[in-house]
Amino acid sequence: MRVLITGASGAAGSYMIDYLINHYEIEAEIFALSRSHSNTDKNLDGTREKVIFVNCDLTDMSSVTRALETSRPDIVFHFASHANVLLSFNNPLSVVQNNVTSTLNLLEALRLLGMKPKFIAASTSEVYGKVKESDLPLRETQLMHPMSPYAASKAFQDHIELVYFEAYGIPTIRTRMFTYIHPRRKDLFASSWARQIVEIERGRRVYLSHGNLESVRTLLDVRDAIHAYWLAALHCEPGEAYNIGGTESYKVGAVLEKLIGLSDFKINTFQDPSLMRPSDVTLQVPDCTKFQAATGWSPKYDINDSLEFLMSETRNLIP
């Protein structure tokens, strides 16, 4: 089996590489797309000899075509994305152009080359955007109402992936992942707080800064999320969309309290206005029954497991 991973040095991509290498029942030739500077990323330490790196700029059609001709994948995990929601408000052109162009280049190159690998699209719950409490839990049929340039770019990806299935037969599977916790991505609320706590413990910071603490989220462990992506490739139906997320809902502020409780230090906090989004998504609670029925998946780790893993990994990552 030949597996191609975009965004290989990023959070989800690097964890997927770890997963494929460490699960003995999976025999896969792993191709990792990255720009040249990404090959030094610490997320990929210890895996280089087991991965075939392919230098590729996803915004360059010729580069994408060469990468696909080299890898000739059976499965594509498309993780590459500018995924910082707050940043997308400040630099919408860059975020939207990158996300739209990279996805369209991949799909169009597959079409022109006549390749039809399973295409696992990593979408996001952000595409649902503004919802009412009566809409919960969110199903895949929920109308999209994106609230940020990032979310709008992911909504486009979701729609164009369906078009390439319906029109050209490329077996796209759209996974709409809800909030998950992992230490390798610095800009998500829980990982940012974990890093700040470690910096306070080491005397490098005085206060922990945060944004909106009132949003309600379900939370999923990164290890459960990556396992879900793999099961999607094995069992989900092309042309379909699937919600993937945690089963328990928490206020974001409660997550911060739990993280602070995992430190022996006094953690002083303050709300930083620069971390408040111009428009925010405050309710994200999924109905995952469609995905569970297709795969038999369910989360193995609860929030306490996830936050302890987050803090442990963060302390190891920060020198």
C-alpha atoms as a PDB file:
ATOM      1  CA  MET A   1       0.000   0.000   0.000  1.00  0.00           C
ATOM      2  CA  ARG A   2       1.298   3.425  -0.960  1.00  0.00           C
ATOM      3  CA  VAL A   3       0.152   6.258   1.321  1.00  0.00           C
ATOM      4  CA  LEU A   4       0.685   9.926   0.508  1.00  0.00           C
ATOM      5  CA  ILE A   5       0.490  12.489   3.328  1.00  0.00           C
ATOM      6  CA  THR A   6       0.295  16.232   2.673  1.00  0.00           C
ATOM      7  CA  GLY A   7       1.321  18.579   5.455  1.00  0.00           C
ATOM      8  CA  ALA A   8       3.622  15.816   6.674  1.00  0.00           C
ATOM      9  CA  SER A   9       5.638  18.003   9.048  1.00  0.00           C
ATOM     10  CA  GLY A  10       2.517  19.522  10.612  1.00  0.00           C
ATOM     11  CA  ALA A  11       0.611  18.303  13.635  1.00  0.00           C
ATOM     12  CA  ALA A  12      -1.844  15.862  12.053  1.00  0.00           C
ATOM     13  CA  GLY A  13       0.522  14.755   9.296  1.00  0.00           C
ATOM     14  CA  SER A  14       3.392  13.933  11.634  1.00  0.00           C
ATOM     15  CA  TYR A  15       1.098  12.003  13.972  1.00  0.00           C
ATOM     16  CA  MET A  16      -0.266  10.025  11.012  1.00  0.00           C
ATOM     17  CA  ILE A  17       3.302   9.082  10.057  1.00  0.00           C
ATOM     18  CA  ASP A  18       3.899   7.918  13.637  1.00  0.00           C
ATOM     19  CA  TYR A  19       0.687   5.903  13.523  1.00  0.00           C
ATOM     20  CA  LEU A  20       1.518   4.150  10.251  1.00  0.00           C
ATOM     21  CA  ILE A  21       5.037   3.308  11.411  1.00  0.00           C
ATOM     22  CA  ASN A  22       4.096   2.088  14.881  1.00  0.00           C
ATOM     23  CA  HIS A  23       1.115  -0.141  14.048  1.00  0.00           C
ATOM     24  CA  TYR A  24       2.539  -3.476  13.028  1.00  0.00           C
ATOM     25  CA  GLU A  25      -0.594  -4.580  11.175  1.00  0.00           C
ATOM     26  CA  ILE A  26      -0.177  -1.748   8.675  1.00  0.00           C
ATOM     27  CA  GLU A  27       2.315  -2.324   5.894  1.00  0.00           C
ATOM     28  CA  ALA A  28       2.567   0.906   3.972  1.00  0.00           C
ATOM     29  CA  GLU A  29       5.084   2.739   1.845  1.00  0.00           C
ATOM     30  CA  ILE A  30       4.825   6.274   3.202  1.00  0.00           C
ATOM     31  CA  PHE A  31       5.340   9.318   0.993  1.00  0.00           C
ATOM     32  CA  ALA A  32       5.491  12.644   2.815  1.00  0.00           C
ATOM     33  CA  LEU A  33       4.936  15.883   0.930  1.00  0.00           C
ATOM     34  CA  SER A  34       6.829  18.828   2.339  1.00  0.00           C
ATOM     35  CA  ARG A  35       8.530  21.972   1.178  1.00  0.00           C
ATOM     36  CA  SER A  36      12.308  21.805   1.445  1.00  0.00           C
ATOM     37  CA  HIS A  37      12.530  23.774   4.693  1.00  0.00           C
ATOM     38  CA  SER A  38      10.063  21.418   6.414  1.00  0.00           C
ATOM     39  CA  ASN A  39      12.458  18.458   6.326  1.00  0.00           C
ATOM     40  CA  THR A  40      14.148  19.793   9.453  1.00  0.00           C
ATOM     41  CA  ASP A  41      10.926  19.927  11.461  1.00  0.00           C
ATOM     42  CA  LYS A  42      11.268  18.296  14.892  1.00  0.00           C
ATOM     43  CA  ASN A  43       7.864  16.642  14.495  1.00  0.00           C
ATOM     44  CA  LEU A  44       9.505  14.200  12.077  1.00  0.00           C
ATOM     45  CA  ASP A  45      12.541  13.271  14.194  1.00  0.00           C
ATOM     46  CA  GLY A  46      13.033   9.520  14.382  1.00  0.00           C
ATOM     47  CA  THR A  47      10.925   8.708  11.308  1.00  0.00           C
ATOM     48  CA  ARG A  48      13.069   9.904   8.411  1.00  0.00           C
ATOM     49  CA  GLU A  49      14.561   6.538   7.483  1.00  0.00           C
ATOM     50  CA  LYS A  50      11.068   5.024   7.181  1.00  0.00           C
ATOM     51  CA  VAL A  51       9.514   7.771   5.052  1.00  0.00           C
ATOM     52  CA  ILE A  52      10.064   8.851   1.455  1.00  0.00           C
ATOM     53  CA  PHE A  53      10.099  12.651   1.411  1.00  0.00           C
ATOM     54  CA  VAL A  54       8.867  14.353  -1.732  1.00  0.00           C
ATOM     55  CA  ASN A  55       9.645  18.047  -2.087  1.00  0.00           C
ATOM     56  CA  CYS A  56       6.409  19.686  -3.204  1.00  0.00           C
ATOM     57  CA  ASP A  57       4.766  23.102  -3.262  1.00  0.00           C
ATOM     58  CA  LEU A  58       1.034  22.381  -3.313  1.00  0.00           C
ATOM     59  CA  THR A  59       0.290  25.808  -4.762  1.00  0.00           C
ATOM     60  CA  ASP A  60       2.371  24.914  -7.861  1.00  0.00           C
ATOM     61  CA  MET A  61       0.499  22.584 -10.233  1.00  0.00           C
ATOM     62  CA  SER A  62       3.628  21.220 -11.894  1.00  0.00           C
ATOM     63  CA  SER A  63       5.151  20.434  -8.498  1.00  0.00           C
ATOM     64  CA  VAL A  64       2.003  18.587  -7.433  1.00  0.00           C
ATOM     65  CA  THR A  65       1.912  16.597 -10.667  1.00  0.00           C
ATOM     66  CA  ARG A  66       5.537  15.473 -10.233  1.00  0.00           C
ATOM     67  CA  ALA A  67       4.867  14.454  -6.621  1.00  0.00           C
ATOM     68  CA  LEU A  68       1.877  12.328  -7.624  1.00  0.00           C
ATOM     69  CA  GLU A  69       3.798  10.687 -10.453  1.00  0.00           C
ATOM     70  CA  THR A  70       6.549   9.827  -7.963  1.00  0.00           C
ATOM     71  CA  SER A  71       4.285   8.480  -5.221  1.00  0.00           C
ATOM     72  CA  ARG A  72       1.381   6.974  -7.234  1.00  0.00           C
ATOM     73  CA  PRO A  73      -0.641   6.632  -4.015  1.00  0.00           C
ATOM     74  CA  ASP A  74      -3.404   4.220  -3.080  1.00  0.00           C
ATOM     75  CA  ILE A  75      -4.495   6.574  -0.271  1.00  0.00           C
ATOM     76  CA  VAL A  76      -4.036  10.326   0.098  1.00  0.00           C
ATOM     77  CA  PHE A  77      -4.372  12.001   3.502  1.00  0.00           C
ATOM     78  CA  HIS A  78      -4.761  15.698   2.756  1.00  0.00           C
ATOM     79  CA  PHE A  79      -3.758  17.501   5.969  1.00  0.00           C
ATOM     80  CA  ALA A  80      -1.879  20.476   4.515  1.00  0.00           C
ATOM     81  CA  SER A  81      -3.600  23.732   5.384  1.00  0.00           C
ATOM     82  CA  HIS A  82      -3.175  27.191   6.819  1.00  0.00           C
ATOM     83  CA  ALA A  83      -5.284  26.379   9.858  1.00  0.00           C
ATOM     84  CA  ASN A  84      -4.924  29.300  12.271  1.00  0.00           C
ATOM     85  CA  VAL A  85      -8.428  30.763  12.602  1.00  0.00           C
ATOM     86  CA  LEU A  86      -7.348  34.002  14.283  1.00  0.00           C
ATOM     87  CA  LEU A  87      -4.565  34.568  11.753  1.00  0.00           C
ATOM     88  CA  SER A  88      -7.042  34.150   8.904  1.00  0.00           C
ATOM     89  CA  PHE A  89      -8.831  37.338   9.997  1.00  0.00           C
ATOM     90  CA  ASN A  90      -5.571  39.279   9.743  1.00  0.00           C
ATOM     91  CA  ASN A  91      -4.351  37.711   6.504  1.00  0.00           C
ATOM     92  CA  PRO A  92      -7.386  36.278   4.707  1.00  0.00           C
ATOM     93  CA  LEU A  93      -5.937  36.381   1.182  1.00  0.00           C
ATOM     94  CA  SER A  94      -2.944  34.216   2.065  1.00  0.00           C
ATOM     95  CA  VAL A  95      -4.973  31.672   4.047  1.00  0.00           C
ATOM     96  CA  VAL A  96      -7.813  31.318   1.556  1.00  0.00           C
ATOM     97  CA  GLN A  97      -5.591  31.252  -1.537  1.00  0.00           C
ATOM     98  CA  ASN A  98      -3.306  28.629  -0.009  1.00  0.00           C
ATOM     99  CA  ASN A  99      -6.088  26.309   1.137  1.00  0.00           C
ATOM    100  CA  VAL A 100      -8.192  26.605  -2.012  1.00  0.00           C
ATOM    101  CA  THR A 101      -5.298  26.345  -4.476  1.00  0.00           C
ATOM    102  CA  SER A 102      -3.552  23.420  -2.769  1.00  0.00           C
ATOM    103  CA  THR A 103      -6.703  21.305  -2.691  1.00  0.00           C
ATOM    104  CA  LEU A 104      -7.755  22.158  -6.226  1.00  0.00           C
ATOM    105  CA  ASN A 105      -4.256  21.415  -7.548  1.00  0.00           C
ATOM    106  CA  LEU A 106      -4.243  18.003  -5.887  1.00  0.00           C
ATOM    107  CA  LEU A 107      -7.651  17.018  -7.214  1.00  0.00           C
ATOM    108  CA  GLU A 108      -7.053  18.357 -10.704  1.00  0.00           C
ATOM    109  CA  ALA A 109      -3.658  16.669 -10.959  1.00  0.00           C
ATOM    110  CA  LEU A 110      -5.248  13.361  -9.936  1.00  0.00           C
ATOM    111  CA  ARG A 111      -7.902  13.852 -12.619  1.00  0.00           C
ATOM    112  CA  LEU A 112      -5.416  14.687 -15.360  1.00  0.00           C
ATOM    113  CA  LEU A 113      -3.172  11.771 -14.417  1.00  0.00           C
ATOM    114  CA  GLY A 114      -6.107   9.366 -14.297  1.00  0.00           C
ATOM    115  CA  MET A 115      -5.340   8.397 -10.697  1.00  0.00           C
ATOM    116  CA  LYS A 116      -8.142   7.511  -8.292  1.00  0.00           C
ATOM    117  CA  PRO A 117      -6.707   6.897  -4.825  1.00  0.00           C
ATOM    118  CA  LYS A 118      -8.917   7.167  -1.775  1.00  0.00           C
ATOM    119  CA  PHE A 119      -8.702  10.840  -0.887  1.00  0.00           C
ATOM    120  CA  ILE A 120      -9.195  11.486   2.837  1.00  0.00           C
ATOM    121  CA  ALA A 121      -9.968  15.174   3.207  1.00  0.00           C
ATOM    122  CA  ALA A 122      -9.281  16.686   6.613  1.00  0.00           C
ATOM    123  CA  SER A 123     -12.053  19.233   6.983  1.00  0.00           C
ATOM    124  CA  THR A 124     -13.182  20.869  10.204  1.00  0.00           C
ATOM    125  CA  SER A 125     -16.188  21.593  12.366  1.00  0.00           C
ATOM    126  CA  GLU A 126     -15.469  25.279  11.721  1.00  0.00           C
ATOM    127  CA  VAL A 127     -17.397  24.929   8.436  1.00  0.00           C
ATOM    128  CA  TYR A 128     -20.658  24.734  10.416  1.00  0.00           C
ATOM    129  CA  GLY A 129     -19.910  28.071  12.032  1.00  0.00           C
ATOM    130  CA  LYS A 130     -22.859  29.896  13.518  1.00  0.00           C
ATOM    131  CA  VAL A 131     -25.449  27.478  14.903  1.00  0.00           C
ATOM    132  CA  LYS A 132     -28.310  27.570  17.395  1.00  0.00           C
ATOM    133  CA  GLU A 133     -28.580  25.400  20.465  1.00  0.00           C
ATOM    134  CA  SER A 134     -31.567  23.714  18.847  1.00  0.00           C
ATOM    135  CA  ASP A 135     -29.236  22.515  16.034  1.00  0.00           C
ATOM    136  CA  LEU A 136     -27.187  20.409  18.461  1.00  0.00           C
ATOM    137  CA  PRO A 137     -25.769  17.861  18.161  1.00  0.00           C
ATOM    138  CA  LEU A 138     -24.551  18.859  14.703  1.00  0.00           C
ATOM    139  CA  ARG A 139     -25.171  16.379  11.908  1.00  0.00           C
ATOM    140  CA  GLU A 140     -23.540  16.232   8.518  1.00  0.00           C
ATOM    141  CA  THR A 141     -26.710  17.687   6.981  1.00  0.00           C
ATOM    142  CA  GLN A 142     -26.331  20.932   8.950  1.00  0.00           C
ATOM    143  CA  LEU A 143     -26.047  23.934   6.625  1.00  0.00           C
ATOM    144  CA  MET A 144     -22.609  25.520   6.590  1.00  0.00           C
ATOM    145  CA  HIS A 145     -22.319  29.042   7.992  1.00  0.00           C
ATOM    146  CA  PRO A 146     -18.558  29.712   8.200  1.00  0.00           C
ATOM    147  CA  MET A 147     -17.516  32.532  10.534  1.00  0.00           C
ATOM    148  CA  SER A 148     -13.896  33.090   9.483  1.00  0.00           C
ATOM    149  CA  PRO A 149     -11.875  33.228   6.268  1.00  0.00           C
ATOM    150  CA  TYR A 150     -10.270  29.946   7.313  1.00  0.00           C
ATOM    151  CA  ALA A 151     -13.656  28.273   7.743  1.00  0.00           C
ATOM    152  CA  ALA A 152     -14.821  29.624   4.386  1.00  0.00           C
ATOM    153  CA  SER A 153     -11.743  28.133   2.696  1.00  0.00           C
ATOM    154  CA  LYS A 154     -12.471  24.754   4.293  1.00  0.00           C
ATOM    155  CA  ALA A 155     -16.106  24.962   3.191  1.00  0.00           C
ATOM    156  CA  PHE A 156     -14.883  25.462  -0.380  1.00  0.00           C
ATOM    157  CA  GLN A 157     -12.579  22.459  -0.029  1.00  0.00           C
ATOM    158  CA  ASP A 158     -15.488  20.370   1.233  1.00  0.00           C
ATOM    159  CA  HIS A 159     -17.670  21.321  -1.742  1.00  0.00           C
ATOM    160  CA  ILE A 160     -15.000  20.934  -4.437  1.00  0.00           C
ATOM    161  CA  GLU A 161     -14.049  17.516  -3.060  1.00  0.00           C
ATOM    162  CA  LEU A 162     -17.651  16.433  -3.509  1.00  0.00           C
ATOM    163  CA  VAL A 163     -17.659  17.853  -7.060  1.00  0.00           C
ATOM    164  CA  TYR A 164     -14.582  15.813  -7.979  1.00  0.00           C
ATOM    165  CA  PHE A 165     -16.293  12.674  -6.695  1.00  0.00           C
ATOM    166  CA  GLU A 166     -19.576  13.326  -8.476  1.00  0.00           C
ATOM    167  CA  ALA A 167     -18.098  14.596 -11.746  1.00  0.00           C
ATOM    168  CA  TYR A 168     -14.838  12.681 -12.082  1.00  0.00           C
ATOM    169  CA  GLY A 169     -15.150   9.642  -9.816  1.00  0.00           C
ATOM    170  CA  ILE A 170     -12.245  10.488  -7.524  1.00  0.00           C
ATOM    171  CA  PRO A 171     -13.171   8.699  -4.267  1.00  0.00           C
ATOM    172  CA  THR A 172     -13.085  11.627  -1.853  1.00  0.00           C
ATOM    173  CA  ILE A 173     -14.082  11.096   1.792  1.00  0.00           C
ATOM    174  CA  ARG A 174     -14.710  14.298   3.762  1.00  0.00           C
ATOM    175  CA  THR A 175     -13.957  14.097   7.468  1.00  0.00           C
ATOM    176  CA  ARG A 176     -15.172  17.030   9.540  1.00  0.00           C
ATOM    177  CA  MET A 177     -13.002  16.878  12.627  1.00  0.00           C
ATOM    178  CA  PHE A 178     -14.130  18.659  15.778  1.00  0.00           C
ATOM    179  CA  THR A 179     -11.693  20.014  18.375  1.00  0.00           C
ATOM    180  CA  TYR A 180      -8.880  17.654  19.266  1.00  0.00           C
ATOM    181  CA  ILE A 181      -6.012  18.049  21.704  1.00  0.00           C
ATOM    182  CA  HIS A 182      -2.378  17.610  20.738  1.00  0.00           C
ATOM    183  CA  PRO A 183       0.941  19.222  21.654  1.00  0.00           C
ATOM    184  CA  ARG A 184       2.543  19.649  18.219  1.00  0.00           C
ATOM    185  CA  ARG A 185       0.343  22.496  17.074  1.00  0.00           C
ATOM    186  CA  LYS A 186       1.151  25.658  18.989  1.00  0.00           C
ATOM    187  CA  ASP A 187      -1.823  27.835  18.059  1.00  0.00           C
ATOM    188  CA  LEU A 188      -4.795  25.867  19.409  1.00  0.00           C
ATOM    189  CA  PHE A 189      -6.144  27.013  22.741  1.00  0.00           C
ATOM    190  CA  ALA A 190      -5.210  23.971  24.841  1.00  0.00           C
ATOM    191  CA  SER A 191      -1.744  23.510  23.321  1.00  0.00           C
ATOM    192  CA  SER A 192      -1.028  27.239  23.629  1.00  0.00           C
ATOM    193  CA  TRP A 193      -2.010  27.180  27.290  1.00  0.00           C
ATOM    194  CA  ALA A 194       0.085  24.078  27.960  1.00  0.00           C
ATOM    195  CA  ARG A 195       3.130  25.794  26.459  1.00  0.00           C
ATOM    196  CA  GLN A 196       2.528  28.908  28.510  1.00  0.00           C
ATOM    197  CA  ILE A 197       2.194  26.841  31.700  1.00  0.00           C
ATOM    198  CA  VAL A 198       5.522  25.125  30.997  1.00  0.00           C
ATOM    199  CA  GLU A 199       7.139  28.520  30.340  1.00  0.00           C
ATOM    200  CA  ILE A 200       5.806  29.792  33.687  1.00  0.00           C
ATOM    201  CA  GLU A 201       7.138  26.667  35.405  1.00  0.00           C
ATOM    202  CA  ARG A 202      10.570  27.387  33.911  1.00  0.00           C
ATOM    203  CA  GLY A 203      10.569  31.057  34.853  1.00  0.00           C
ATOM    204  CA  ARG A 204      10.254  32.393  31.313  1.00  0.00           C
ATOM    205  CA  ARG A 205       6.775  33.877  31.632  1.00  0.00           C
ATOM    206  CA  VAL A 206       4.733  35.562  34.369  1.00  0.00           C
ATOM    207  CA  TYR A 207       1.136  35.343  33.096  1.00  0.00           C
ATOM    208  CA  LEU A 208      -0.895  32.999  30.939  1.00  0.00           C
ATOM    209  CA  SER A 209      -2.910  34.871  28.308  1.00  0.00           C
ATOM    210  CA  HIS A 210      -6.162  33.582  26.841  1.00  0.00           C
ATOM    211  CA  GLY A 211      -9.074  34.596  24.635  1.00  0.00           C
ATOM    212  CA  ASN A 212     -12.759  33.670  24.898  1.00  0.00           C
ATOM    213  CA  LEU A 213     -13.398  31.140  27.692  1.00  0.00           C
ATOM    214  CA  GLU A 214     -17.162  30.794  27.168  1.00  0.00           C
ATOM    215  CA  SER A 215     -17.202  28.661  24.006  1.00  0.00           C
ATOM    216  CA  VAL A 216     -18.498  25.096  24.346  1.00  0.00           C
ATOM    217  CA  ARG A 217     -16.539  22.275  22.700  1.00  0.00           C
ATOM    218  CA  THR A 218     -16.229  18.533  22.714  1.00  0.00           C
ATOM    219  CA  LEU A 219     -12.606  17.469  22.973  1.00  0.00           C
ATOM    220  CA  LEU A 220     -10.869  14.500  21.386  1.00  0.00           C
ATOM    221  CA  ASP A 221      -7.415  13.061  21.997  1.00  0.00           C
ATOM    222  CA  VAL A 222      -5.044  13.306  19.019  1.00  0.00           C
ATOM    223  CA  ARG A 223      -4.422   9.556  19.232  1.00  0.00           C
ATOM    224  CA  ASP A 224      -8.147   8.896  18.819  1.00  0.00           C
ATOM    225  CA  ALA A 225      -8.322  11.428  15.979  1.00  0.00           C
ATOM    226  CA  ILE A 226      -5.504   9.836  13.968  1.00  0.00           C
ATOM    227  CA  HIS A 227      -6.954   6.358  14.458  1.00  0.00           C
ATOM    228  CA  ALA A 228     -10.255   7.754  13.152  1.00  0.00           C
ATOM    229  CA  TYR A 229      -8.583   9.101  10.009  1.00  0.00           C
ATOM    230  CA  TRP A 230      -7.112   5.666   9.288  1.00  0.00           C
ATOM    231  CA  LEU A 231     -10.476   3.946   9.801  1.00  0.00           C
ATOM    232  CA  ALA A 232     -12.062   6.486   7.460  1.00  0.00           C
ATOM    233  CA  ALA A 233      -9.685   5.354   4.733  1.00  0.00           C
ATOM    234  CA  LEU A 234     -10.549   1.714   5.332  1.00  0.00           C
ATOM    235  CA  HIS A 235     -14.297   1.824   5.863  1.00  0.00           C
ATOM    236  CA  CYS A 236     -15.998   5.097   4.889  1.00  0.00           C
ATOM    237  CA  GLU A 237     -17.947   5.610   1.674  1.00  0.00           C
ATOM    238  CA  PRO A 238     -16.519   7.861  -1.043  1.00  0.00           C
ATOM    239  CA  GLY A 239     -18.644  10.936  -1.645  1.00  0.00           C
ATOM    240  CA  GLU A 240     -19.815  11.065   1.969  1.00  0.00           C
ATOM    241  CA  ALA A 241     -19.015  13.471   4.809  1.00  0.00           C
ATOM    242  CA  TYR A 242     -18.430  12.296   8.372  1.00  0.00           C
ATOM    243  CA  ASN A 243     -18.324  14.144  11.689  1.00  0.00           C
ATOM    244  CA  ILE A 244     -15.579  13.008  14.072  1.00  0.00           C
ATOM    245  CA  GLY A 245     -15.341  14.364  17.603  1.00  0.00           C
ATOM    246  CA  GLY A 246     -15.478  13.803  21.319  1.00  0.00           C
ATOM    247  CA  THR A 247     -18.492  12.713  23.325  1.00  0.00           C
ATOM    248  CA  GLU A 248     -18.381  15.108  26.304  1.00  0.00           C
ATOM    249  CA  SER A 249     -18.919  18.877  26.141  1.00  0.00           C
ATOM    250  CA  TYR A 250     -16.875  21.403  28.108  1.00  0.00           C
ATOM    251  CA  LYS A 251     -16.609  25.135  28.404  1.00  0.00           C
ATOM    252  CA  VAL A 252     -13.197  26.229  27.215  1.00  0.00           C
ATOM    253  CA  GLY A 253     -12.657  27.894  30.592  1.00  0.00           C
ATOM    254  CA  ALA A 254     -13.127  24.542  32.344  1.00  0.00           C
ATOM    255  CA  VAL A 255     -10.367  23.062  30.197  1.00  0.00           C
ATOM    256  CA  LEU A 256      -8.033  25.842  31.291  1.00  0.00           C
ATOM    257  CA  GLU A 257      -8.840  25.127  34.934  1.00  0.00           C
ATOM    258  CA  LYS A 258      -8.018  21.429  34.434  1.00  0.00           C
ATOM    259  CA  LEU A 259      -4.695  22.268  32.782  1.00  0.00           C
ATOM    260  CA  ILE A 260      -3.735  24.664  35.563  1.00  0.00           C
ATOM    261  CA  GLY A 261      -4.541  21.884  38.026  1.00  0.00           C
ATOM    262  CA  LEU A 262      -1.847  19.719  36.424  1.00  0.00           C
ATOM    263  CA  SER A 263       0.869  22.174  37.462  1.00  0.00           C
ATOM    264  CA  ASP A 264       2.395  22.607  40.914  1.00  0.00           C
ATOM    265  CA  PHE A 265       2.968  26.297  40.184  1.00  0.00           C
ATOM    266  CA  LYS A 266       0.600  29.212  40.728  1.00  0.00           C
ATOM    267  CA  ILE A 267      -0.640  30.231  37.289  1.00  0.00           C
ATOM    268  CA  ASN A 268      -1.928  33.793  36.934  1.00  0.00           C
ATOM    269  CA  THR A 269      -4.113  34.419  33.883  1.00  0.00           C
ATOM    270  CA  PHE A 270      -5.527  37.357  31.957  1.00  0.00           C
ATOM    271  CA  GLN A 271      -7.736  37.832  28.902  1.00  0.00           C
ATOM    272  CA  ASP A 272      -5.786  39.281  25.991  1.00  0.00           C
ATOM    273  CA  PRO A 273      -8.005  41.342  23.644  1.00  0.00           C
ATOM    274  CA  SER A 274      -5.750  40.443  20.698  1.00  0.00           C
ATOM    275  CA  LEU A 275      -6.750  36.790  21.148  1.00  0.00           C
ATOM    276  CA  MET A 276     -10.465  37.511  20.745  1.00  0.00           C
ATOM    277  CA  ARG A 277     -11.804  36.672  17.283  1.00  0.00           C
ATOM    278  CA  PRO A 278     -13.878  39.302  15.424  1.00  0.00           C
ATOM    279  CA  SER A 279     -16.565  36.614  15.106  1.00  0.00           C
ATOM    280  CA  ASP A 280     -16.424  33.391  17.086  1.00  0.00           C
ATOM    281  CA  VAL A 281     -17.932  29.936  16.952  1.00  0.00           C
ATOM    282  CA  THR A 282     -19.327  29.241  20.409  1.00  0.00           C
ATOM    283  CA  LEU A 283     -21.140  25.897  20.039  1.00  0.00           C
ATOM    284  CA  GLN A 284     -19.455  22.852  18.519  1.00  0.00           C
ATOM    285  CA  VAL A 285     -21.034  19.569  19.584  1.00  0.00           C
ATOM    286  CA  PRO A 286     -21.104  16.766  16.978  1.00  0.00           C
ATOM    287  CA  ASP A 287     -23.335  13.834  16.205  1.00  0.00           C
ATOM    288  CA  CYS A 288     -20.810  11.156  15.189  1.00  0.00           C
ATOM    289  CA  THR A 289     -23.216   8.236  14.791  1.00  0.00           C
ATOM    290  CA  LYS A 290     -22.708   8.075  11.010  1.00  0.00           C
ATOM    291  CA  PHE A 291     -18.940   7.661  11.383  1.00  0.00           C
ATOM    292  CA  GLN A 292     -19.275   5.238  14.277  1.00  0.00           C
ATOM    293  CA  ALA A 293     -21.711   3.088  12.314  1.00  0.00           C
ATOM    294  CA  ALA A 294     -19.338   2.953   9.345  1.00  0.00           C
ATOM    295  CA  THR A 295     -16.161   2.177  11.306  1.00  0.00           C
ATOM    296  CA  GLY A 296     -17.025   0.912  14.806  1.00  0.00           C
ATOM    297  CA  TRP A 297     -14.813   3.703  16.170  1.00  0.00           C
ATOM    298  CA  SER A 298     -15.169   5.224  19.605  1.00  0.00           C
ATOM    299  CA  PRO A 299     -12.726   7.353  21.641  1.00  0.00           C
ATOM    300  CA  LYS A 300     -10.386   5.479  23.978  1.00  0.00           C
ATOM    301  CA  TYR A 301      -9.068   8.473  25.933  1.00  0.00           C
ATOM    302  CA  ASP A 302     -11.047  10.806  28.195  1.00  0.00           C
ATOM    303  CA  ILE A 303     -10.269  14.472  28.767  1.00  0.00           C
ATOM    304  CA  ASN A 304      -8.037  13.779  31.766  1.00  0.00           C
ATOM    305  CA  ASP A 305      -5.937  11.310  29.742  1.00  0.00           C
ATOM    306  CA  SER A 306      -5.675  13.847  26.927  1.00  0.00           C
ATOM    307  CA  LEU A 307      -4.645  16.787  29.084  1.00  0.00           C
ATOM    308  CA  GLU A 308      -2.074  14.735  31.001  1.00  0.00           C
ATOM    309  CA  PHE A 309      -0.645  13.557  27.659  1.00  0.00           C
ATOM    310  CA  LEU A 310      -0.634  17.155  26.419  1.00  0.00           C
ATOM    311  CA  MET A 311       1.271  18.447  29.429  1.00  0.00           C
ATOM    312  CA  SER A 312       3.744  15.543  29.406  1.00  0.00           C
ATOM    313  CA  GLU A 313       4.491  15.927  25.696  1.00  0.00           C
ATOM    314  CA  THR A 314       4.737  19.712  25.966  1.00  0.00           C
ATOM    315  CA  ARG A 315       7.253  19.493  28.807  1.00  0.00           C
ATOM    316  CA  ASN A 316       9.324  17.164  26.600  1.00  0.00           C
ATOM    317  CA  LEU A 317       9.054  19.378  23.542  1.00  0.00           C
ATOM    318  CA  ILE A 318      10.114  22.631  25.214  1.00  0.00           C
ATOM    319  CA  PRO A 319      13.828  22.596  26.138  1.00  0.00           C
END
